[in-house]
Amino acid sequence: MTDWGRVDIPLAPEDFRLLRDAVGARMGLSLAPSTRPSLERRLRERLAVVNAKSFAEYYHYISFDSGAEDEWDALYDLLTTSETYFFREDYQLRAFQDEVLPLLLEQARSRRRLTVWSAGCSTGEEVYTIATLIHETNLFQGWEVRVFGSDISKRSIAVARRGVYGPSSFRTTPKDKRRAYFIERPDGAHVVERIRSMCHFGQMNLLEADKARLIGRVDAIFCRNVLIYFDPHARRSVIDLFHERLYPGGVLLLGHSESLLNISTAFELLHLKEDLVYRKPRTFQPVP
């Protein structure tokens, strides 16, 4: 067995710091010292793939080698969580459907176009859920409606674009919705075309603001259970990007354990019956 195939190659503290900083700069992830054993375990297989004999060589590879971009795609898959399912956090979805969408209808009536962005959409269940909720309201007949899903993982985006799902994606899906919006086939449950046609997907790193601007302006952003993995600087950068992308009066929906406390004062709290969401003021004055 070659040296780089051995399972006892250690991740020394100094190499961990280099890799931690590289991952933080590229992905915004906050890796505490306690994550060193986990990072060592996850990355060891990648050493063999790129023929690196040590973690120091691996760091050099992802920093300077011509194949670094492809290797970063592999790292995105290794270091991100893709656990999701349809109709997750139903109380927030009810608030979005019953209260946020009528609000957005009034604000966007003159342009008759609605755009919702699911940032960190994983394998796409959230995107199709949002599209289903919009479809069910019947508020946007004759409008241009687009739900855009982005994720840093190329593999997750490929799954999302395919739109075919297994049992684990339906753990909280009401039976009537599964019958109405999915077609059962031997390879899984396929999203019906009237919902698929509303949804678009693209690989995106939220720290690459220039790429995110290609989405254009949006009426609402879902970014649920994503910011908790970011370091403070990355959180602020992403929230600033969201603020820039939202139309005045646009709404930001975070996960139930997330808030903008100590991150941004540019949004106002919107109190709904079942949830609290953030709204970009309709007349925004920059904070000094």
C-alpha atoms as a PDB file:
ATOM      1  CA  MET A   1       0.000   0.000   0.000  1.00  0.00           C
ATOM      2  CA  THR A   2       1.301   3.459  -0.879  1.00  0.00           C
ATOM      3  CA  ASP A   3       2.057   5.997   1.820  1.00  0.00           C
ATOM      4  CA  TRP A   4      -0.960   8.079   0.909  1.00  0.00           C
ATOM      5  CA  GLY A   5      -3.255   5.082   1.230  1.00  0.00           C
ATOM      6  CA  ARG A   6      -2.440   4.549   4.910  1.00  0.00           C
ATOM      7  CA  VAL A   7      -5.198   5.254   7.387  1.00  0.00           C
ATOM      8  CA  ASP A   8      -2.819   6.539  10.057  1.00  0.00           C
ATOM      9  CA  ILE A   9      -1.755   9.751   8.321  1.00  0.00           C
ATOM     10  CA  PRO A  10      -2.286  12.352  11.065  1.00  0.00           C
ATOM     11  CA  LEU A  11      -3.784  15.803  10.747  1.00  0.00           C
ATOM     12  CA  ALA A  12      -1.287  17.842  12.719  1.00  0.00           C
ATOM     13  CA  PRO A  13      -2.526  20.951  14.570  1.00  0.00           C
ATOM     14  CA  GLU A  14      -0.671  23.292  12.226  1.00  0.00           C
ATOM     15  CA  ASP A  15      -2.166  21.597   9.151  1.00  0.00           C
ATOM     16  CA  PHE A  16      -5.624  21.723  10.723  1.00  0.00           C
ATOM     17  CA  ARG A  17      -5.255  25.486  11.182  1.00  0.00           C
ATOM     18  CA  LEU A  18      -4.268  25.921   7.535  1.00  0.00           C
ATOM     19  CA  LEU A  19      -7.184  23.821   6.282  1.00  0.00           C
ATOM     20  CA  ARG A  20      -9.592  25.437   8.736  1.00  0.00           C
ATOM     21  CA  ASP A  21      -8.646  28.898   7.504  1.00  0.00           C
ATOM     22  CA  ALA A  22      -8.888  27.838   3.855  1.00  0.00           C
ATOM     23  CA  VAL A  23     -12.337  26.346   4.403  1.00  0.00           C
ATOM     24  CA  GLY A  24     -13.423  29.410   6.354  1.00  0.00           C
ATOM     25  CA  ALA A  25     -12.276  31.798   3.642  1.00  0.00           C
ATOM     26  CA  ARG A  26     -13.822  29.762   0.841  1.00  0.00           C
ATOM     27  CA  MET A  27     -17.031  28.491   2.444  1.00  0.00           C
ATOM     28  CA  GLY A  28     -17.564  30.665   5.499  1.00  0.00           C
ATOM     29  CA  LEU A  29     -17.726  27.597   7.727  1.00  0.00           C
ATOM     30  CA  SER A  30     -16.623  27.907  11.328  1.00  0.00           C
ATOM     31  CA  LEU A  31     -14.532  24.881  12.320  1.00  0.00           C
ATOM     32  CA  ALA A  32     -13.787  24.718  16.038  1.00  0.00           C
ATOM     33  CA  PRO A  33     -10.674  22.865  17.302  1.00  0.00           C
ATOM     34  CA  SER A  34     -12.966  20.038  18.425  1.00  0.00           C
ATOM     35  CA  THR A  35     -13.759  19.297  14.772  1.00  0.00           C
ATOM     36  CA  ARG A  36     -10.183  18.245  13.977  1.00  0.00           C
ATOM     37  CA  PRO A  37     -10.844  14.459  14.311  1.00  0.00           C
ATOM     38  CA  SER A  38     -13.940  14.748  12.130  1.00  0.00           C
ATOM     39  CA  LEU A  39     -12.125  16.794   9.497  1.00  0.00           C
ATOM     40  CA  GLU A  40      -9.234  14.332   9.509  1.00  0.00           C
ATOM     41  CA  ARG A  41     -11.621  11.429   8.961  1.00  0.00           C
ATOM     42  CA  ARG A  42     -13.539  13.141   6.183  1.00  0.00           C
ATOM     43  CA  LEU A  43     -10.504  14.403   4.289  1.00  0.00           C
ATOM     44  CA  ARG A  44      -8.315  11.317   4.529  1.00  0.00           C
ATOM     45  CA  GLU A  45      -9.988   9.681   1.522  1.00  0.00           C
ATOM     46  CA  ARG A  46      -9.319  12.817  -0.508  1.00  0.00           C
ATOM     47  CA  LEU A  47      -5.574  12.477   0.059  1.00  0.00           C
ATOM     48  CA  ALA A  48      -5.613   9.243  -1.928  1.00  0.00           C
ATOM     49  CA  VAL A  49      -7.665  10.821  -4.723  1.00  0.00           C
ATOM     50  CA  VAL A  50      -5.184  13.662  -5.312  1.00  0.00           C
ATOM     51  CA  ASN A  51      -2.069  11.585  -4.476  1.00  0.00           C
ATOM     52  CA  ALA A  52      -1.153  13.714  -1.456  1.00  0.00           C
ATOM     53  CA  LYS A  53       1.132  12.003   1.078  1.00  0.00           C
ATOM     54  CA  SER A  54       0.181  14.335   3.927  1.00  0.00           C
ATOM     55  CA  PHE A  55      -2.416  16.893   4.892  1.00  0.00           C
ATOM     56  CA  ALA A  56       0.187  19.582   4.264  1.00  0.00           C
ATOM     57  CA  GLU A  57       0.448  18.380   0.663  1.00  0.00           C
ATOM     58  CA  TYR A  58      -3.321  18.328   0.431  1.00  0.00           C
ATOM     59  CA  TYR A  59      -3.516  21.938   1.617  1.00  0.00           C
ATOM     60  CA  HIS A  60      -0.974  22.892  -1.029  1.00  0.00           C
ATOM     61  CA  TYR A  61      -3.056  21.058  -3.651  1.00  0.00           C
ATOM     62  CA  ILE A  62      -6.315  22.891  -2.901  1.00  0.00           C
ATOM     63  CA  SER A  63      -4.466  26.195  -2.703  1.00  0.00           C
ATOM     64  CA  PHE A  64      -2.305  26.094  -5.795  1.00  0.00           C
ATOM     65  CA  ASP A  65      -2.906  23.069  -8.058  1.00  0.00           C
ATOM     66  CA  SER A  66      -4.670  23.354 -11.423  1.00  0.00           C
ATOM     67  CA  GLY A  67      -7.200  20.750 -10.252  1.00  0.00           C
ATOM     68  CA  ALA A  68      -8.104  22.690  -7.111  1.00  0.00           C
ATOM     69  CA  GLU A  69     -11.550  23.826  -8.320  1.00  0.00           C
ATOM     70  CA  ASP A  70     -12.728  20.260  -8.893  1.00  0.00           C
ATOM     71  CA  GLU A  71     -11.364  19.258  -5.513  1.00  0.00           C
ATOM     72  CA  TRP A  72     -13.240  22.096  -3.833  1.00  0.00           C
ATOM     73  CA  ASP A  73     -16.446  20.743  -5.368  1.00  0.00           C
ATOM     74  CA  ALA A  74     -15.700  17.447  -3.642  1.00  0.00           C
ATOM     75  CA  LEU A  75     -15.025  19.292  -0.384  1.00  0.00           C
ATOM     76  CA  TYR A  76     -18.334  21.112  -0.598  1.00  0.00           C
ATOM     77  CA  ASP A  77     -20.096  17.749  -0.663  1.00  0.00           C
ATOM     78  CA  LEU A  78     -18.015  16.378   2.215  1.00  0.00           C
ATOM     79  CA  LEU A  79     -18.359  19.354   4.535  1.00  0.00           C
ATOM     80  CA  THR A  80     -21.981  20.404   4.071  1.00  0.00           C
ATOM     81  CA  THR A  81     -25.170  18.901   5.449  1.00  0.00           C
ATOM     82  CA  SER A  82     -27.888  17.892   2.983  1.00  0.00           C
ATOM     83  CA  GLU A  83     -30.547  16.729   5.442  1.00  0.00           C
ATOM     84  CA  THR A  84     -33.913  18.093   4.325  1.00  0.00           C
ATOM     85  CA  TYR A  85     -37.448  17.065   3.413  1.00  0.00           C
ATOM     86  CA  PHE A  86     -40.687  18.431   1.974  1.00  0.00           C
ATOM     87  CA  PHE A  87     -42.879  20.774   4.052  1.00  0.00           C
ATOM     88  CA  ARG A  88     -40.257  21.249   6.735  1.00  0.00           C
ATOM     89  CA  GLU A  89     -41.162  23.624   9.599  1.00  0.00           C
ATOM     90  CA  ASP A  90     -44.813  23.720   8.582  1.00  0.00           C
ATOM     91  CA  TYR A  91     -45.717  26.622  10.900  1.00  0.00           C
ATOM     92  CA  GLN A  92     -43.399  28.904   8.944  1.00  0.00           C
ATOM     93  CA  LEU A  93     -44.702  27.618   5.633  1.00  0.00           C
ATOM     94  CA  ARG A  94     -48.269  28.383   6.713  1.00  0.00           C
ATOM     95  CA  ALA A  95     -47.188  31.902   7.644  1.00  0.00           C
ATOM     96  CA  PHE A  96     -45.525  32.293   4.248  1.00  0.00           C
ATOM     97  CA  GLN A  97     -48.566  31.041   2.361  1.00  0.00           C
ATOM     98  CA  ASP A  98     -51.277  32.771   4.369  1.00  0.00           C
ATOM     99  CA  GLU A  99     -49.632  36.097   5.264  1.00  0.00           C
ATOM    100  CA  VAL A 100     -46.400  36.728   3.366  1.00  0.00           C
ATOM    101  CA  LEU A 101     -47.632  35.855  -0.121  1.00  0.00           C
ATOM    102  CA  PRO A 102     -50.669  38.206   0.031  1.00  0.00           C
ATOM    103  CA  LEU A 103     -48.294  40.951   1.178  1.00  0.00           C
ATOM    104  CA  LEU A 104     -45.932  40.267  -1.721  1.00  0.00           C
ATOM    105  CA  LEU A 105     -48.882  40.206  -4.120  1.00  0.00           C
ATOM    106  CA  GLU A 106     -49.678  43.819  -3.317  1.00  0.00           C
ATOM    107  CA  GLN A 107     -46.063  44.940  -3.478  1.00  0.00           C
ATOM    108  CA  ALA A 108     -45.343  43.253  -6.821  1.00  0.00           C
ATOM    109  CA  ARG A 109     -48.692  43.870  -8.508  1.00  0.00           C
ATOM    110  CA  SER A 110     -47.335  46.509 -10.894  1.00  0.00           C
ATOM    111  CA  ARG A 111     -44.670  44.189 -12.339  1.00  0.00           C
ATOM    112  CA  ARG A 112     -46.712  40.951 -12.123  1.00  0.00           C
ATOM    113  CA  ARG A 113     -43.572  38.980 -11.389  1.00  0.00           C
ATOM    114  CA  LEU A 114     -42.756  37.026  -8.241  1.00  0.00           C
ATOM    115  CA  THR A 115     -39.301  35.643  -7.484  1.00  0.00           C
ATOM    116  CA  VAL A 116     -38.403  33.605  -4.409  1.00  0.00           C
ATOM    117  CA  TRP A 117     -34.869  32.433  -3.642  1.00  0.00           C
ATOM    118  CA  SER A 118     -34.087  29.372  -1.537  1.00  0.00           C
ATOM    119  CA  ALA A 119     -30.465  29.953  -0.515  1.00  0.00           C
ATOM    120  CA  GLY A 120     -28.818  26.728   0.594  1.00  0.00           C
ATOM    121  CA  CYS A 121     -31.571  24.595  -0.919  1.00  0.00           C
ATOM    122  CA  SER A 122     -29.702  21.274  -0.589  1.00  0.00           C
ATOM    123  CA  THR A 123     -31.419  18.636  -2.746  1.00  0.00           C
ATOM    124  CA  GLY A 124     -34.363  20.842  -3.685  1.00  0.00           C
ATOM    125  CA  GLU A 125     -37.238  19.774  -1.452  1.00  0.00           C
ATOM    126  CA  GLU A 126     -37.642  23.294  -0.087  1.00  0.00           C
ATOM    127  CA  VAL A 127     -37.789  24.822  -3.558  1.00  0.00           C
ATOM    128  CA  TYR A 128     -40.542  22.506  -4.740  1.00  0.00           C
ATOM    129  CA  THR A 129     -42.396  23.033  -1.460  1.00  0.00           C
ATOM    130  CA  ILE A 130     -42.336  26.812  -1.957  1.00  0.00           C
ATOM    131  CA  ALA A 131     -43.567  26.450  -5.529  1.00  0.00           C
ATOM    132  CA  THR A 132     -46.402  24.221  -4.329  1.00  0.00           C
ATOM    133  CA  LEU A 133     -47.472  26.788  -1.735  1.00  0.00           C
ATOM    134  CA  ILE A 134     -47.477  29.570  -4.318  1.00  0.00           C
ATOM    135  CA  HIS A 135     -49.462  27.424  -6.756  1.00  0.00           C
ATOM    136  CA  GLU A 136     -52.077  26.579  -4.132  1.00  0.00           C
ATOM    137  CA  THR A 137     -52.887  30.201  -3.311  1.00  0.00           C
ATOM    138  CA  ASN A 138     -54.119  30.939  -6.865  1.00  0.00           C
ATOM    139  CA  LEU A 139     -53.015  34.511  -6.214  1.00  0.00           C
ATOM    140  CA  PHE A 140     -50.507  34.750  -9.031  1.00  0.00           C
ATOM    141  CA  GLN A 141     -52.450  33.526 -12.052  1.00  0.00           C
ATOM    142  CA  GLY A 142     -50.966  35.049 -15.218  1.00  0.00           C
ATOM    143  CA  TRP A 143     -47.838  36.213 -13.390  1.00  0.00           C
ATOM    144  CA  GLU A 144     -44.260  35.244 -14.085  1.00  0.00           C
ATOM    145  CA  VAL A 145     -43.396  33.116 -11.047  1.00  0.00           C
ATOM    146  CA  ARG A 146     -39.917  31.774 -10.436  1.00  0.00           C
ATOM    147  CA  VAL A 147     -38.519  29.890  -7.451  1.00  0.00           C
ATOM    148  CA  PHE A 148     -34.746  29.730  -7.582  1.00  0.00           C
ATOM    149  CA  GLY A 149     -32.730  27.260  -5.523  1.00  0.00           C
ATOM    150  CA  SER A 150     -28.994  27.567  -4.949  1.00  0.00           C
ATOM    151  CA  ASP A 151     -26.541  25.405  -3.069  1.00  0.00           C
ATOM    152  CA  ILE A 152     -22.776  25.172  -2.837  1.00  0.00           C
ATOM    153  CA  SER A 153     -22.905  21.420  -3.527  1.00  0.00           C
ATOM    154  CA  LYS A 154     -22.911  20.442  -7.190  1.00  0.00           C
ATOM    155  CA  ARG A 155     -24.149  16.968  -6.263  1.00  0.00           C
ATOM    156  CA  SER A 156     -27.134  18.365  -4.352  1.00  0.00           C
ATOM    157  CA  ILE A 157     -28.085  20.626  -7.241  1.00  0.00           C
ATOM    158  CA  ALA A 158     -27.996  17.653  -9.626  1.00  0.00           C
ATOM    159  CA  VAL A 159     -30.473  15.820  -7.377  1.00  0.00           C
ATOM    160  CA  ALA A 160     -32.682  18.908  -7.185  1.00  0.00           C
ATOM    161  CA  ARG A 161     -32.785  19.336 -10.950  1.00  0.00           C
ATOM    162  CA  ARG A 162     -33.775  15.700 -11.402  1.00  0.00           C
ATOM    163  CA  GLY A 163     -36.754  16.150  -9.096  1.00  0.00           C
ATOM    164  CA  VAL A 164     -37.078  12.498  -8.087  1.00  0.00           C
ATOM    165  CA  TYR A 165     -37.310  11.579  -4.403  1.00  0.00           C
ATOM    166  CA  GLY A 166     -37.408   8.615  -2.059  1.00  0.00           C
ATOM    167  CA  PRO A 167     -39.377   7.948   1.143  1.00  0.00           C
ATOM    168  CA  SER A 168     -37.140   9.972   3.491  1.00  0.00           C
ATOM    169  CA  SER A 169     -38.078  13.193   1.699  1.00  0.00           C
ATOM    170  CA  PHE A 170     -41.752  12.712   2.548  1.00  0.00           C
ATOM    171  CA  ARG A 171     -41.612  12.205   6.317  1.00  0.00           C
ATOM    172  CA  THR A 172     -44.017  15.103   6.992  1.00  0.00           C
ATOM    173  CA  THR A 173     -45.781  15.375   3.623  1.00  0.00           C
ATOM    174  CA  PRO A 174     -49.583  15.089   3.805  1.00  0.00           C
ATOM    175  CA  LYS A 175     -50.867  12.242   1.660  1.00  0.00           C
ATOM    176  CA  ASP A 176     -53.121  14.489  -0.396  1.00  0.00           C
ATOM    177  CA  LYS A 177     -50.193  16.718  -1.348  1.00  0.00           C
ATOM    178  CA  ARG A 178     -48.065  13.751  -2.325  1.00  0.00           C
ATOM    179  CA  ARG A 179     -50.856  12.481  -4.591  1.00  0.00           C
ATOM    180  CA  ALA A 180     -51.427  15.921  -6.111  1.00  0.00           C
ATOM    181  CA  TYR A 181     -47.850  16.980  -6.782  1.00  0.00           C
ATOM    182  CA  PHE A 182     -45.870  13.783  -7.410  1.00  0.00           C
ATOM    183  CA  ILE A 183     -46.033  10.927  -9.872  1.00  0.00           C
ATOM    184  CA  GLU A 184     -44.998   7.564  -8.460  1.00  0.00           C
ATOM    185  CA  ARG A 185     -42.596   5.615 -10.666  1.00  0.00           C
ATOM    186  CA  PRO A 186     -40.238   2.686 -10.036  1.00  0.00           C
ATOM    187  CA  ASP A 187     -37.264   5.007  -9.445  1.00  0.00           C
ATOM    188  CA  GLY A 188     -39.093   7.286  -6.998  1.00  0.00           C
ATOM    189  CA  ALA A 189     -41.639  10.075  -6.741  1.00  0.00           C
ATOM    190  CA  HIS A 190     -41.329  12.613  -9.578  1.00  0.00           C
ATOM    191  CA  VAL A 191     -42.351  16.257  -9.108  1.00  0.00           C
ATOM    192  CA  VAL A 192     -45.193  17.090 -11.500  1.00  0.00           C
ATOM    193  CA  GLU A 193     -44.404  19.376 -14.410  1.00  0.00           C
ATOM    194  CA  ARG A 194     -46.632  22.282 -13.338  1.00  0.00           C
ATOM    195  CA  ILE A 195     -44.453  22.632 -10.234  1.00  0.00           C
ATOM    196  CA  ARG A 196     -41.137  21.777 -11.901  1.00  0.00           C
ATOM    197  CA  SER A 197     -41.666  24.491 -14.507  1.00  0.00           C
ATOM    198  CA  MET A 198     -41.633  27.140 -11.778  1.00  0.00           C
ATOM    199  CA  CYS A 199     -38.326  25.970 -10.296  1.00  0.00           C
ATOM    200  CA  HIS A 200     -34.744  26.681 -11.339  1.00  0.00           C
ATOM    201  CA  PHE A 201     -31.485  25.572  -9.752  1.00  0.00           C
ATOM    202  CA  GLY A 202     -27.855  26.614  -9.786  1.00  0.00           C
ATOM    203  CA  GLN A 203     -24.674  25.904  -7.872  1.00  0.00           C
ATOM    204  CA  MET A 204     -23.658  28.951  -5.883  1.00  0.00           C
ATOM    205  CA  ASN A 205     -21.337  29.892  -3.061  1.00  0.00           C
ATOM    206  CA  LEU A 206     -23.124  32.556  -1.002  1.00  0.00           C
ATOM    207  CA  LEU A 207     -19.799  34.264  -0.381  1.00  0.00           C
ATOM    208  CA  GLU A 208     -19.444  34.963  -4.115  1.00  0.00           C
ATOM    209  CA  ALA A 209     -21.652  38.030  -4.261  1.00  0.00           C
ATOM    210  CA  ASP A 210     -21.029  38.759  -7.947  1.00  0.00           C
ATOM    211  CA  LYS A 211     -22.418  35.375  -8.941  1.00  0.00           C
ATOM    212  CA  ALA A 212     -25.422  35.794  -6.655  1.00  0.00           C
ATOM    213  CA  ARG A 213     -26.294  39.057  -8.371  1.00  0.00           C
ATOM    214  CA  LEU A 214     -27.090  37.091 -11.529  1.00  0.00           C
ATOM    215  CA  ILE A 215     -30.323  36.053  -9.822  1.00  0.00           C
ATOM    216  CA  GLY A 216     -31.584  39.618  -9.988  1.00  0.00           C
ATOM    217  CA  ARG A 217     -33.963  41.148  -7.471  1.00  0.00           C
ATOM    218  CA  VAL A 218     -36.175  38.866  -5.419  1.00  0.00           C
ATOM    219  CA  ASP A 219     -39.330  39.235  -3.349  1.00  0.00           C
ATOM    220  CA  ALA A 220     -38.509  36.694  -0.647  1.00  0.00           C
ATOM    221  CA  ILE A 221     -35.515  34.669   0.488  1.00  0.00           C
ATOM    222  CA  PHE A 222     -35.568  31.431   2.429  1.00  0.00           C
ATOM    223  CA  CYS A 223     -32.252  30.714   4.153  1.00  0.00           C
ATOM    224  CA  ARG A 224     -33.113  28.198   6.835  1.00  0.00           C
ATOM    225  CA  ASN A 225     -30.560  26.414   8.987  1.00  0.00           C
ATOM    226  CA  VAL A 226     -27.624  27.669   6.916  1.00  0.00           C
ATOM    227  CA  LEU A 227     -26.238  30.635   8.843  1.00  0.00           C
ATOM    228  CA  ILE A 228     -25.678  28.504  11.949  1.00  0.00           C
ATOM    229  CA  TYR A 229     -22.695  26.895  10.214  1.00  0.00           C
ATOM    230  CA  PHE A 230     -21.050  30.193   9.213  1.00  0.00           C
ATOM    231  CA  ASP A 231     -18.512  32.253  11.073  1.00  0.00           C
ATOM    232  CA  PRO A 232     -19.571  35.790  12.107  1.00  0.00           C
ATOM    233  CA  HIS A 233     -17.872  37.521   9.179  1.00  0.00           C
ATOM    234  CA  ALA A 234     -19.504  35.188   6.652  1.00  0.00           C
ATOM    235  CA  ARG A 235     -22.916  35.670   8.281  1.00  0.00           C
ATOM    236  CA  ARG A 236     -22.666  39.428   7.916  1.00  0.00           C
ATOM    237  CA  SER A 237     -21.533  39.152   4.297  1.00  0.00           C
ATOM    238  CA  VAL A 238     -24.419  36.856   3.392  1.00  0.00           C
ATOM    239  CA  ILE A 239     -27.026  38.979   5.161  1.00  0.00           C
ATOM    240  CA  ASP A 240     -25.706  42.095   3.401  1.00  0.00           C
ATOM    241  CA  LEU A 241     -26.067  40.231   0.104  1.00  0.00           C
ATOM    242  CA  PHE A 242     -29.647  39.244   0.929  1.00  0.00           C
ATOM    243  CA  HIS A 243     -30.503  42.827   1.793  1.00  0.00           C
ATOM    244  CA  GLU A 244     -29.098  43.992  -1.515  1.00  0.00           C
ATOM    245  CA  ARG A 245     -30.997  41.361  -3.541  1.00  0.00           C
ATOM    246  CA  LEU A 246     -34.403  41.930  -1.932  1.00  0.00           C
ATOM    247  CA  TYR A 247     -36.871  44.427  -3.300  1.00  0.00           C
ATOM    248  CA  PRO A 248     -37.912  47.058  -0.752  1.00  0.00           C
ATOM    249  CA  GLY A 249     -40.546  45.343   1.368  1.00  0.00           C
ATOM    250  CA  GLY A 250     -39.063  41.935   0.554  1.00  0.00           C
ATOM    251  CA  VAL A 251     -39.015  39.236   3.201  1.00  0.00           C
ATOM    252  CA  LEU A 252     -36.233  37.076   4.654  1.00  0.00           C
ATOM    253  CA  LEU A 253     -37.167  33.797   6.352  1.00  0.00           C
ATOM    254  CA  LEU A 254     -34.563  32.130   8.581  1.00  0.00           C
ATOM    255  CA  GLY A 255     -34.572  28.857  10.515  1.00  0.00           C
ATOM    256  CA  HIS A 256     -36.329  28.715  13.877  1.00  0.00           C
ATOM    257  CA  SER A 257     -33.018  28.890  15.813  1.00  0.00           C
ATOM    258  CA  GLU A 258     -31.524  31.723  13.750  1.00  0.00           C
ATOM    259  CA  SER A 259     -31.807  35.490  14.081  1.00  0.00           C
ATOM    260  CA  LEU A 260     -30.114  38.674  12.924  1.00  0.00           C
ATOM    261  CA  LEU A 261     -29.180  39.675  16.458  1.00  0.00           C
ATOM    262  CA  ASN A 262     -25.646  41.129  16.425  1.00  0.00           C
ATOM    263  CA  ILE A 263     -25.496  40.611  12.649  1.00  0.00           C
ATOM    264  CA  SER A 264     -27.545  43.347  10.986  1.00  0.00           C
ATOM    265  CA  THR A 265     -29.899  46.207  11.843  1.00  0.00           C
ATOM    266  CA  ALA A 266     -30.892  46.804   8.233  1.00  0.00           C
ATOM    267  CA  PHE A 267     -34.063  44.696   8.483  1.00  0.00           C
ATOM    268  CA  GLU A 268     -37.249  45.229  10.447  1.00  0.00           C
ATOM    269  CA  LEU A 269     -39.121  42.464  12.260  1.00  0.00           C
ATOM    270  CA  LEU A 270     -42.453  41.471  10.765  1.00  0.00           C
ATOM    271  CA  HIS A 271     -44.753  39.896  13.362  1.00  0.00           C
ATOM    272  CA  LEU A 272     -47.012  37.232  11.865  1.00  0.00           C
ATOM    273  CA  LYS A 273     -49.584  35.033  13.573  1.00  0.00           C
ATOM    274  CA  GLU A 274     -47.277  32.006  13.775  1.00  0.00           C
ATOM    275  CA  ASP A 275     -43.832  33.359  13.020  1.00  0.00           C
ATOM    276  CA  LEU A 276     -41.426  36.267  13.016  1.00  0.00           C
ATOM    277  CA  VAL A 277     -39.716  37.100   9.740  1.00  0.00           C
ATOM    278  CA  TYR A 278     -37.444  39.901   8.589  1.00  0.00           C
ATOM    279  CA  ARG A 279     -38.431  42.536   6.057  1.00  0.00           C
ATOM    280  CA  LYS A 280     -36.340  44.998   4.121  1.00  0.00           C
ATOM    281  CA  PRO A 281     -37.861  48.417   4.832  1.00  0.00           C
ATOM    282  CA  ARG A 282     -39.705  49.903   1.903  1.00  0.00           C
ATOM    283  CA  THR A 283     -37.768  53.144   2.295  1.00  0.00           C
ATOM    284  CA  PHE A 284     -34.312  52.069   3.414  1.00  0.00           C
ATOM    285  CA  GLN A 285     -31.929  54.560   4.964  1.00  0.00           C
ATOM    286  CA  PRO A 286     -28.315  53.290   5.194  1.00  0.00           C
ATOM    287  CA  VAL A 287     -27.038  52.833   8.714  1.00  0.00           C
ATOM    288  CA  PRO A 288     -24.094  55.220   9.425  1.00  0.00           C
END
